[in-house]
N, C-alpha and C. Protein backbone atom coordinates (compact mmCIF):
# COMPACT_ATOMS: atom_id res chain seq x y z
N MET A 1 31.16 39.47 267.71
CA MET A 1 32.26 40.12 267.06
C MET A 1 32.19 39.81 265.58
N SER A 2 32.27 40.80 264.75
CA SER A 2 32.15 40.59 263.31
C SER A 2 33.52 40.36 262.71
N VAL A 3 33.51 39.99 261.44
CA VAL A 3 34.75 39.71 260.73
C VAL A 3 35.56 41.00 260.56
N GLN A 4 34.87 42.14 260.35
CA GLN A 4 35.56 43.41 260.16
C GLN A 4 36.29 43.85 261.43
N SER A 5 35.68 43.68 262.58
CA SER A 5 36.34 44.11 263.81
C SER A 5 37.54 43.22 264.14
N ALA A 6 37.48 41.94 263.78
CA ALA A 6 38.61 41.05 263.98
C ALA A 6 39.77 41.45 263.08
N ALA A 7 39.46 41.86 261.85
CA ALA A 7 40.49 42.29 260.92
C ALA A 7 41.09 43.62 261.36
N ALA A 8 40.30 44.47 261.98
CA ALA A 8 40.79 45.77 262.44
C ALA A 8 41.77 45.60 263.59
N ASP A 9 41.60 44.55 264.40
CA ASP A 9 42.50 44.30 265.51
C ASP A 9 43.90 43.89 265.04
N VAL A 10 43.98 43.34 263.85
CA VAL A 10 45.23 42.83 263.33
C VAL A 10 46.02 43.91 262.59
N ASP A 11 45.39 44.98 262.20
CA ASP A 11 46.07 46.04 261.45
C ASP A 11 47.25 46.58 262.23
N VAL A 12 48.35 46.75 261.53
CA VAL A 12 49.57 47.27 262.13
C VAL A 12 49.95 48.54 261.38
N ASP A 13 50.22 49.56 262.14
CA ASP A 13 50.65 50.82 261.54
C ASP A 13 52.17 50.77 261.40
N LEU A 14 52.63 50.56 260.17
CA LEU A 14 54.06 50.41 259.93
C LEU A 14 54.83 51.69 260.24
N ARG A 15 54.22 52.83 259.98
CA ARG A 15 54.88 54.10 260.27
C ARG A 15 55.15 54.21 261.77
N GLN A 16 54.17 53.83 262.57
CA GLN A 16 54.34 53.90 264.03
C GLN A 16 55.37 52.86 264.51
N LEU A 17 55.37 51.70 263.88
CA LEU A 17 56.33 50.65 264.24
C LEU A 17 57.77 51.12 263.96
N PHE A 18 58.02 51.65 262.77
CA PHE A 18 59.36 52.12 262.44
C PHE A 18 59.76 53.34 263.25
N ALA A 19 58.79 54.17 263.61
CA ALA A 19 59.09 55.33 264.47
C ALA A 19 59.53 54.85 265.85
N SER A 20 58.87 53.81 266.35
CA SER A 20 59.25 53.25 267.65
C SER A 20 60.65 52.64 267.59
N LEU A 21 60.97 51.95 266.50
CA LEU A 21 62.31 51.38 266.34
C LEU A 21 63.36 52.49 266.25
N ALA A 22 63.03 53.57 265.55
CA ALA A 22 63.97 54.69 265.43
C ALA A 22 64.21 55.37 266.77
N ARG A 23 63.17 55.47 267.59
CA ARG A 23 63.33 56.09 268.90
C ARG A 23 64.19 55.22 269.82
N ASN A 24 64.12 53.92 269.68
CA ASN A 24 64.81 52.99 270.60
C ASN A 24 66.02 52.33 269.96
N TRP A 25 66.59 52.94 268.93
CA TRP A 25 67.70 52.31 268.21
C TRP A 25 68.92 52.09 269.10
N LEU A 26 69.14 52.99 270.02
CA LEU A 26 70.31 52.86 270.89
C LEU A 26 70.16 51.66 271.84
N ARG A 27 68.99 51.49 272.41
CA ARG A 27 68.74 50.33 273.28
C ARG A 27 68.89 49.02 272.51
N ILE A 28 68.34 49.00 271.31
CA ILE A 28 68.42 47.78 270.48
C ILE A 28 69.88 47.47 270.16
N LEU A 29 70.64 48.50 269.81
CA LEU A 29 72.05 48.31 269.48
C LEU A 29 72.84 47.82 270.69
N ILE A 30 72.59 48.39 271.86
CA ILE A 30 73.30 47.99 273.08
C ILE A 30 72.99 46.53 273.44
N VAL A 31 71.73 46.14 273.36
CA VAL A 31 71.34 44.75 273.67
C VAL A 31 71.98 43.80 272.66
N ALA A 32 71.96 44.15 271.38
CA ALA A 32 72.55 43.29 270.35
C ALA A 32 74.05 43.14 270.56
N LEU A 33 74.73 44.24 270.87
CA LEU A 33 76.17 44.17 271.11
C LEU A 33 76.50 43.38 272.38
N ALA A 34 75.68 43.54 273.41
CA ALA A 34 75.90 42.79 274.66
C ALA A 34 75.74 41.29 274.43
N VAL A 35 74.70 40.89 273.72
CA VAL A 35 74.47 39.47 273.44
C VAL A 35 75.59 38.92 272.57
N THR A 36 76.01 39.68 271.57
CA THR A 36 77.11 39.25 270.70
C THR A 36 78.41 39.11 271.50
N GLY A 37 78.69 40.08 272.35
CA GLY A 37 79.89 40.02 273.18
C GLY A 37 79.87 38.84 274.14
N LEU A 38 78.73 38.57 274.73
CA LEU A 38 78.60 37.43 275.64
C LEU A 38 78.81 36.11 274.90
N ALA A 39 78.21 35.99 273.72
CA ALA A 39 78.37 34.76 272.93
C ALA A 39 79.83 34.58 272.52
N PHE A 40 80.49 35.66 272.14
CA PHE A 40 81.90 35.59 271.76
C PHE A 40 82.77 35.19 272.95
N ALA A 41 82.49 35.77 274.11
CA ALA A 41 83.27 35.45 275.32
C ALA A 41 83.10 33.98 275.70
N LEU A 42 81.89 33.47 275.64
CA LEU A 42 81.66 32.06 275.98
C LEU A 42 82.36 31.14 274.98
N ALA A 43 82.32 31.49 273.71
CA ALA A 43 83.00 30.68 272.70
C ALA A 43 84.52 30.73 272.88
N TRP A 44 85.04 31.87 273.28
CA TRP A 44 86.48 32.03 273.48
C TRP A 44 86.97 31.25 274.70
N LEU A 45 86.16 31.21 275.76
CA LEU A 45 86.56 30.55 276.99
C LEU A 45 86.34 29.04 276.96
N ALA A 46 85.51 28.56 276.07
CA ALA A 46 85.20 27.13 276.01
C ALA A 46 86.44 26.36 275.57
N THR A 47 86.68 25.22 276.21
CA THR A 47 87.81 24.37 275.86
C THR A 47 87.43 23.53 274.65
N PRO A 48 88.23 23.59 273.59
CA PRO A 48 87.89 22.79 272.41
C PRO A 48 88.09 21.30 272.70
N GLN A 49 87.25 20.48 272.11
CA GLN A 49 87.35 19.04 272.25
C GLN A 49 87.63 18.44 270.87
N TYR A 50 88.67 17.66 270.78
CA TYR A 50 89.03 17.00 269.53
C TYR A 50 88.66 15.53 269.67
N LYS A 51 88.17 14.95 268.58
CA LYS A 51 87.72 13.57 268.63
C LYS A 51 88.37 12.78 267.49
N ALA A 52 88.95 11.64 267.85
CA ALA A 52 89.54 10.74 266.86
C ALA A 52 88.74 9.45 266.84
N GLU A 53 88.63 8.87 265.66
CA GLU A 53 87.87 7.63 265.53
C GLU A 53 88.59 6.72 264.55
N THR A 54 88.61 5.45 264.89
CA THR A 54 89.16 4.46 263.97
C THR A 54 88.26 3.23 264.00
N LYS A 55 88.28 2.50 262.92
CA LYS A 55 87.47 1.29 262.82
C LYS A 55 88.38 0.12 262.51
N LEU A 56 88.15 -0.98 263.21
CA LEU A 56 88.93 -2.20 263.01
C LEU A 56 88.03 -3.29 262.47
N LEU A 57 88.49 -3.98 261.46
CA LEU A 57 87.77 -5.12 260.94
C LEU A 57 88.43 -6.37 261.51
N ILE A 58 87.66 -7.17 262.22
CA ILE A 58 88.17 -8.38 262.85
C ILE A 58 87.91 -9.55 261.90
N GLU A 59 89.00 -10.13 261.41
CA GLU A 59 88.90 -11.28 260.52
C GLU A 59 89.93 -12.32 260.93
N THR A 60 89.74 -13.52 260.44
CA THR A 60 90.74 -14.55 260.69
C THR A 60 91.92 -14.30 259.77
N ARG A 61 93.09 -14.77 260.17
CA ARG A 61 94.30 -14.53 259.39
C ARG A 61 94.61 -15.67 258.43
N GLU A 62 93.74 -16.61 258.33
CA GLU A 62 94.01 -17.76 257.48
C GLU A 62 93.87 -17.40 256.01
N SER A 63 94.73 -18.00 255.22
CA SER A 63 94.63 -17.90 253.77
C SER A 63 94.96 -19.27 253.20
N VAL A 64 94.91 -19.39 251.91
CA VAL A 64 95.23 -20.67 251.27
C VAL A 64 96.66 -21.08 251.59
N PHE A 65 97.52 -20.11 251.76
CA PHE A 65 98.94 -20.41 251.97
C PHE A 65 99.26 -20.76 253.42
N THR A 66 98.42 -20.35 254.36
CA THR A 66 98.71 -20.63 255.77
C THR A 66 98.02 -21.88 256.28
N ARG A 67 97.12 -22.45 255.52
CA ARG A 67 96.45 -23.68 255.96
C ARG A 67 97.39 -24.86 255.74
N PRO A 68 97.33 -25.82 256.67
CA PRO A 68 98.25 -26.96 256.55
C PRO A 68 98.07 -27.76 255.27
N ASP A 69 96.83 -27.96 254.83
CA ASP A 69 96.62 -28.79 253.65
C ASP A 69 96.52 -27.96 252.37
N GLY A 70 96.54 -26.63 252.46
CA GLY A 70 96.53 -25.78 251.28
C GLY A 70 95.18 -25.66 250.60
N THR A 71 94.12 -26.15 251.22
CA THR A 71 92.80 -26.08 250.60
C THR A 71 92.19 -24.71 250.81
N SER A 72 91.18 -24.43 250.02
CA SER A 72 90.50 -23.14 250.15
C SER A 72 89.01 -23.36 250.39
N ASN A 73 88.68 -24.32 251.19
CA ASN A 73 87.28 -24.64 251.47
C ASN A 73 86.72 -23.61 252.45
N ASP A 74 85.80 -22.77 251.98
CA ASP A 74 85.22 -21.73 252.82
C ASP A 74 84.28 -22.28 253.88
N SER A 75 83.78 -23.48 253.70
CA SER A 75 82.85 -24.04 254.69
C SER A 75 83.58 -24.41 255.98
N GLU A 76 84.88 -24.69 255.90
CA GLU A 76 85.64 -25.04 257.09
C GLU A 76 86.24 -23.81 257.77
N LYS A 77 86.12 -22.67 257.16
CA LYS A 77 86.70 -21.44 257.69
C LYS A 77 85.99 -21.05 258.99
N PRO A 78 86.75 -20.81 260.07
CA PRO A 78 86.10 -20.41 261.31
C PRO A 78 85.52 -19.00 261.18
N ILE A 79 84.31 -18.84 261.63
CA ILE A 79 83.62 -17.55 261.56
C ILE A 79 83.66 -16.91 262.93
N LEU A 80 84.04 -15.66 262.99
CA LEU A 80 84.07 -14.92 264.24
C LEU A 80 82.66 -14.44 264.54
N ASP A 81 82.09 -14.93 265.62
CA ASP A 81 80.71 -14.59 265.95
C ASP A 81 80.65 -13.33 266.81
N GLU A 82 79.44 -12.98 267.23
CA GLU A 82 79.24 -11.76 268.03
C GLU A 82 80.00 -11.82 269.35
N GLN A 83 80.07 -13.00 269.96
CA GLN A 83 80.80 -13.12 271.22
C GLN A 83 82.29 -12.89 271.00
N GLY A 84 82.80 -13.35 269.87
CA GLY A 84 84.22 -13.13 269.57
C GLY A 84 84.53 -11.66 269.38
N VAL A 85 83.64 -10.94 268.70
CA VAL A 85 83.84 -9.50 268.50
C VAL A 85 83.71 -8.77 269.84
N ALA A 86 82.72 -9.18 270.65
CA ALA A 86 82.55 -8.55 271.97
C ALA A 86 83.77 -8.80 272.85
N SER A 87 84.36 -9.98 272.72
CA SER A 87 85.58 -10.27 273.48
C SER A 87 86.72 -9.34 273.06
N GLN A 88 86.83 -9.09 271.78
CA GLN A 88 87.87 -8.18 271.29
C GLN A 88 87.64 -6.75 271.79
N VAL A 89 86.38 -6.34 271.88
CA VAL A 89 86.05 -5.02 272.42
C VAL A 89 86.53 -4.92 273.87
N GLU A 90 86.28 -5.97 274.64
CA GLU A 90 86.71 -5.98 276.04
C GLU A 90 88.23 -5.97 276.17
N VAL A 91 88.90 -6.70 275.30
CA VAL A 91 90.37 -6.73 275.34
C VAL A 91 90.93 -5.34 275.03
N ILE A 92 90.37 -4.68 274.02
CA ILE A 92 90.86 -3.35 273.63
C ILE A 92 90.68 -2.35 274.77
N SER A 93 89.57 -2.44 275.48
CA SER A 93 89.31 -1.48 276.56
C SER A 93 89.73 -2.00 277.93
N SER A 94 90.56 -3.03 277.96
CA SER A 94 90.99 -3.61 279.24
C SER A 94 91.98 -2.69 279.96
N THR A 95 92.09 -2.89 281.25
CA THR A 95 92.97 -2.07 282.08
C THR A 95 94.43 -2.22 281.66
N ASP A 96 94.85 -3.43 281.33
CA ASP A 96 96.25 -3.65 280.94
C ASP A 96 96.60 -2.87 279.67
N ILE A 97 95.72 -2.90 278.69
CA ILE A 97 95.97 -2.17 277.44
C ILE A 97 95.99 -0.67 277.71
N LEU A 98 95.03 -0.19 278.51
CA LEU A 98 94.98 1.25 278.81
C LEU A 98 96.22 1.69 279.58
N LYS A 99 96.72 0.85 280.48
CA LYS A 99 97.96 1.18 281.21
C LYS A 99 99.14 1.29 280.26
N GLN A 100 99.21 0.38 279.30
CA GLN A 100 100.31 0.43 278.33
C GLN A 100 100.24 1.70 277.49
N VAL A 101 99.05 2.07 277.06
CA VAL A 101 98.87 3.29 276.27
C VAL A 101 99.24 4.52 277.10
N ALA A 102 98.77 4.56 278.35
CA ALA A 102 99.06 5.70 279.22
C ALA A 102 100.56 5.83 279.47
N ALA A 103 101.25 4.71 279.65
CA ALA A 103 102.69 4.75 279.88
C ALA A 103 103.44 5.17 278.61
N LYS A 104 103.02 4.64 277.48
CA LYS A 104 103.71 4.96 276.22
C LYS A 104 103.54 6.43 275.85
N LEU A 105 102.36 6.99 276.09
CA LEU A 105 102.10 8.39 275.75
C LEU A 105 102.42 9.34 276.90
N ASN A 106 102.83 8.78 278.04
CA ASN A 106 103.18 9.58 279.23
C ASN A 106 102.03 10.51 279.63
N LEU A 107 100.84 9.95 279.72
CA LEU A 107 99.64 10.75 280.00
C LEU A 107 99.59 11.28 281.42
N SER A 108 100.32 10.68 282.33
CA SER A 108 100.29 11.16 283.72
C SER A 108 100.91 12.54 283.85
N LYS A 109 101.69 12.97 282.88
CA LYS A 109 102.31 14.30 282.91
C LYS A 109 101.37 15.39 282.38
N LEU A 110 100.28 15.00 281.73
CA LEU A 110 99.35 15.98 281.16
C LEU A 110 98.27 16.34 282.17
N PRO A 111 98.03 17.63 282.39
CA PRO A 111 97.00 18.04 283.37
C PRO A 111 95.59 17.57 282.99
N GLU A 112 95.36 17.35 281.71
CA GLU A 112 94.04 16.88 281.27
C GLU A 112 93.69 15.52 281.87
N PHE A 113 94.70 14.70 282.12
CA PHE A 113 94.48 13.35 282.61
C PHE A 113 94.74 13.20 284.10
N ASP A 114 95.20 14.25 284.75
CA ASP A 114 95.45 14.19 286.19
C ASP A 114 94.70 15.33 286.86
N GLU A 115 93.57 14.99 287.45
CA GLU A 115 92.70 15.99 288.08
C GLU A 115 93.41 16.74 289.20
N ALA A 116 94.32 16.09 289.89
CA ALA A 116 95.01 16.73 291.01
C ALA A 116 95.96 17.82 290.52
N ALA A 117 96.47 17.70 289.32
CA ALA A 117 97.43 18.68 288.81
C ALA A 117 96.77 19.99 288.40
N LYS A 118 95.50 19.94 288.06
CA LYS A 118 94.85 21.17 287.59
C LYS A 118 93.68 21.61 288.49
N MET A 119 93.81 21.37 289.77
CA MET A 119 92.75 21.78 290.70
C MET A 119 92.72 23.30 290.84
N SER A 120 91.55 23.86 290.71
CA SER A 120 91.39 25.30 290.89
C SER A 120 91.31 25.62 292.39
N ALA A 121 91.35 26.90 292.70
CA ALA A 121 91.26 27.32 294.10
C ALA A 121 89.90 26.93 294.68
N LEU A 122 88.85 27.02 293.87
CA LEU A 122 87.52 26.63 294.32
C LEU A 122 87.46 25.14 294.63
N SER A 123 88.06 24.32 293.77
CA SER A 123 88.09 22.87 294.01
C SER A 123 88.86 22.54 295.28
N ARG A 124 89.98 23.22 295.50
CA ARG A 124 90.76 22.98 296.72
C ARG A 124 89.95 23.36 297.96
N LEU A 125 89.21 24.46 297.87
CA LEU A 125 88.37 24.88 298.99
C LEU A 125 87.28 23.85 299.26
N LEU A 126 86.66 23.32 298.20
CA LEU A 126 85.63 22.30 298.37
C LEU A 126 86.20 21.02 298.99
N VAL A 127 87.45 20.69 298.66
CA VAL A 127 88.10 19.52 299.26
C VAL A 127 88.35 19.76 300.73
N ILE A 128 88.82 20.96 301.08
CA ILE A 128 89.11 21.29 302.48
C ILE A 128 87.84 21.26 303.31
N VAL A 129 86.74 21.80 302.75
CA VAL A 129 85.47 21.83 303.47
C VAL A 129 84.86 20.43 303.55
N GLY A 130 85.23 19.55 302.61
CA GLY A 130 84.71 18.19 302.63
C GLY A 130 83.54 17.98 301.69
N LEU A 131 83.28 18.93 300.81
CA LEU A 131 82.17 18.79 299.86
C LEU A 131 82.59 18.07 298.58
N LYS A 132 83.89 17.86 298.43
CA LYS A 132 84.41 17.17 297.25
C LYS A 132 85.50 16.22 297.70
N SER A 133 85.59 15.07 297.04
CA SER A 133 86.63 14.11 297.42
C SER A 133 87.99 14.59 296.90
N ASP A 134 89.01 14.28 297.66
CA ASP A 134 90.37 14.69 297.32
C ASP A 134 90.93 13.75 296.26
N PRO A 135 91.27 14.25 295.08
CA PRO A 135 91.82 13.37 294.04
C PRO A 135 93.19 12.81 294.39
N ASN A 136 93.90 13.44 295.33
CA ASN A 136 95.22 12.94 295.73
C ASN A 136 95.13 11.64 296.53
N GLU A 137 93.93 11.29 296.99
CA GLU A 137 93.75 10.03 297.72
C GLU A 137 93.79 8.83 296.77
N ILE A 138 93.61 9.08 295.50
CA ILE A 138 93.65 8.02 294.49
C ILE A 138 95.04 8.04 293.84
N ALA A 139 95.56 6.88 293.55
CA ALA A 139 96.89 6.79 292.92
C ALA A 139 96.88 7.49 291.57
N PRO A 140 97.99 8.13 291.19
CA PRO A 140 98.03 8.85 289.91
C PRO A 140 97.69 7.96 288.71
N GLU A 141 98.15 6.72 288.74
CA GLU A 141 97.85 5.80 287.65
C GLU A 141 96.35 5.55 287.53
N GLU A 142 95.68 5.43 288.66
CA GLU A 142 94.23 5.21 288.65
C GLU A 142 93.47 6.44 288.17
N ARG A 143 93.97 7.63 288.53
CA ARG A 143 93.34 8.87 288.05
C ARG A 143 93.43 8.96 286.53
N VAL A 144 94.59 8.60 285.99
CA VAL A 144 94.78 8.63 284.54
C VAL A 144 93.86 7.61 283.87
N LEU A 145 93.78 6.41 284.43
CA LEU A 145 92.91 5.38 283.86
C LEU A 145 91.44 5.80 283.90
N LYS A 146 91.04 6.44 284.99
CA LYS A 146 89.66 6.91 285.10
C LYS A 146 89.34 7.93 284.00
N LYS A 147 90.25 8.89 283.81
CA LYS A 147 90.04 9.91 282.76
C LYS A 147 90.05 9.27 281.38
N MET A 148 90.94 8.30 281.17
CA MET A 148 90.99 7.64 279.87
C MET A 148 89.68 6.92 279.57
N ARG A 149 89.13 6.26 280.58
CA ARG A 149 87.86 5.55 280.38
C ARG A 149 86.71 6.52 280.08
N GLU A 150 86.76 7.73 280.68
CA GLU A 150 85.74 8.73 280.39
C GLU A 150 85.83 9.21 278.94
N LYS A 151 87.03 9.26 278.41
CA LYS A 151 87.25 9.81 277.08
C LYS A 151 87.25 8.75 275.98
N LEU A 152 87.29 7.48 276.37
CA LEU A 152 87.37 6.38 275.41
C LEU A 152 86.01 5.72 275.23
N ASN A 153 85.69 5.42 273.99
CA ASN A 153 84.45 4.72 273.68
C ASN A 153 84.79 3.62 272.67
N VAL A 154 84.65 2.36 273.08
CA VAL A 154 84.92 1.22 272.22
C VAL A 154 83.63 0.42 272.10
N TYR A 155 83.21 0.18 270.86
CA TYR A 155 81.98 -0.58 270.66
C TYR A 155 82.03 -1.29 269.32
N SER A 156 81.20 -2.31 269.19
CA SER A 156 81.13 -3.04 267.93
C SER A 156 79.89 -2.58 267.16
N VAL A 157 80.03 -2.54 265.85
CA VAL A 157 78.91 -2.19 264.99
C VAL A 157 78.02 -3.42 264.88
N GLU A 158 76.73 -3.21 265.04
CA GLU A 158 75.79 -4.34 265.04
C GLU A 158 75.86 -5.14 263.75
N LYS A 159 75.76 -6.44 263.90
CA LYS A 159 75.72 -7.40 262.79
C LYS A 159 76.91 -7.24 261.85
N SER A 160 78.07 -6.98 262.44
CA SER A 160 79.29 -6.90 261.64
C SER A 160 80.47 -7.31 262.53
N ARG A 161 81.63 -7.37 261.92
CA ARG A 161 82.85 -7.67 262.66
C ARG A 161 83.73 -6.43 262.73
N VAL A 162 83.08 -5.28 262.83
CA VAL A 162 83.79 -4.00 262.89
C VAL A 162 83.74 -3.47 264.31
N ILE A 163 84.88 -3.05 264.81
CA ILE A 163 84.98 -2.43 266.13
C ILE A 163 85.36 -0.97 265.93
N VAL A 164 84.64 -0.08 266.59
CA VAL A 164 84.91 1.36 266.50
C VAL A 164 85.57 1.80 267.80
N ILE A 165 86.66 2.54 267.67
CA ILE A 165 87.37 3.09 268.82
C ILE A 165 87.34 4.61 268.68
N GLU A 166 86.73 5.29 269.65
CA GLU A 166 86.64 6.75 269.65
C GLU A 166 87.35 7.28 270.89
N PHE A 167 88.05 8.39 270.72
CA PHE A 167 88.72 9.03 271.85
C PHE A 167 88.61 10.53 271.68
N SER A 168 88.23 11.22 272.76
CA SER A 168 88.14 12.68 272.71
C SER A 168 89.16 13.26 273.68
N SER A 169 89.71 14.41 273.30
CA SER A 169 90.75 15.03 274.11
C SER A 169 90.79 16.53 273.85
N GLU A 170 91.39 17.25 274.79
CA GLU A 170 91.59 18.69 274.62
C GLU A 170 92.82 18.96 273.76
N ASP A 171 93.70 17.99 273.64
CA ASP A 171 94.93 18.13 272.86
C ASP A 171 94.73 17.50 271.48
N PRO A 172 94.94 18.25 270.40
CA PRO A 172 94.71 17.68 269.07
C PRO A 172 95.72 16.61 268.68
N ARG A 173 96.82 16.49 269.42
CA ARG A 173 97.80 15.46 269.07
C ARG A 173 97.41 14.20 269.74
């Protein structure tokens, strides 16, 4: 195969290409509109997720004024180590704290946090058939805690005393 024949295979007749596009303009338009409509419908039906994030700096509360002898010796200052920060992460994400938050915000009344309250007909059918576990078998408080744990992310930033708390929800408030 010579160089000329390889170049001839690559030649494109633009007139023929545009004529083909002109002949099939209706099909192209219908496909483009269908894809656009489908993308719009999916975006419209999708549930928005809102995410909040806060950062906490864990430090000791001592100052020159709170020390018994009034000294400001930094060498005697207790340093919060990685285990101390990890302990604070566990305390923040503990069941007792989450229960207090759920009670204060009355999360058990929101369908987002109670799977049993927003069961679809398909989910009910799957429960009846036995292909899905019945959420009513779990106490409402436990269902709320389970959902909260799924939506809550608490972690410490490496080599720092900063704790990050993230929470995602369907409700922007």
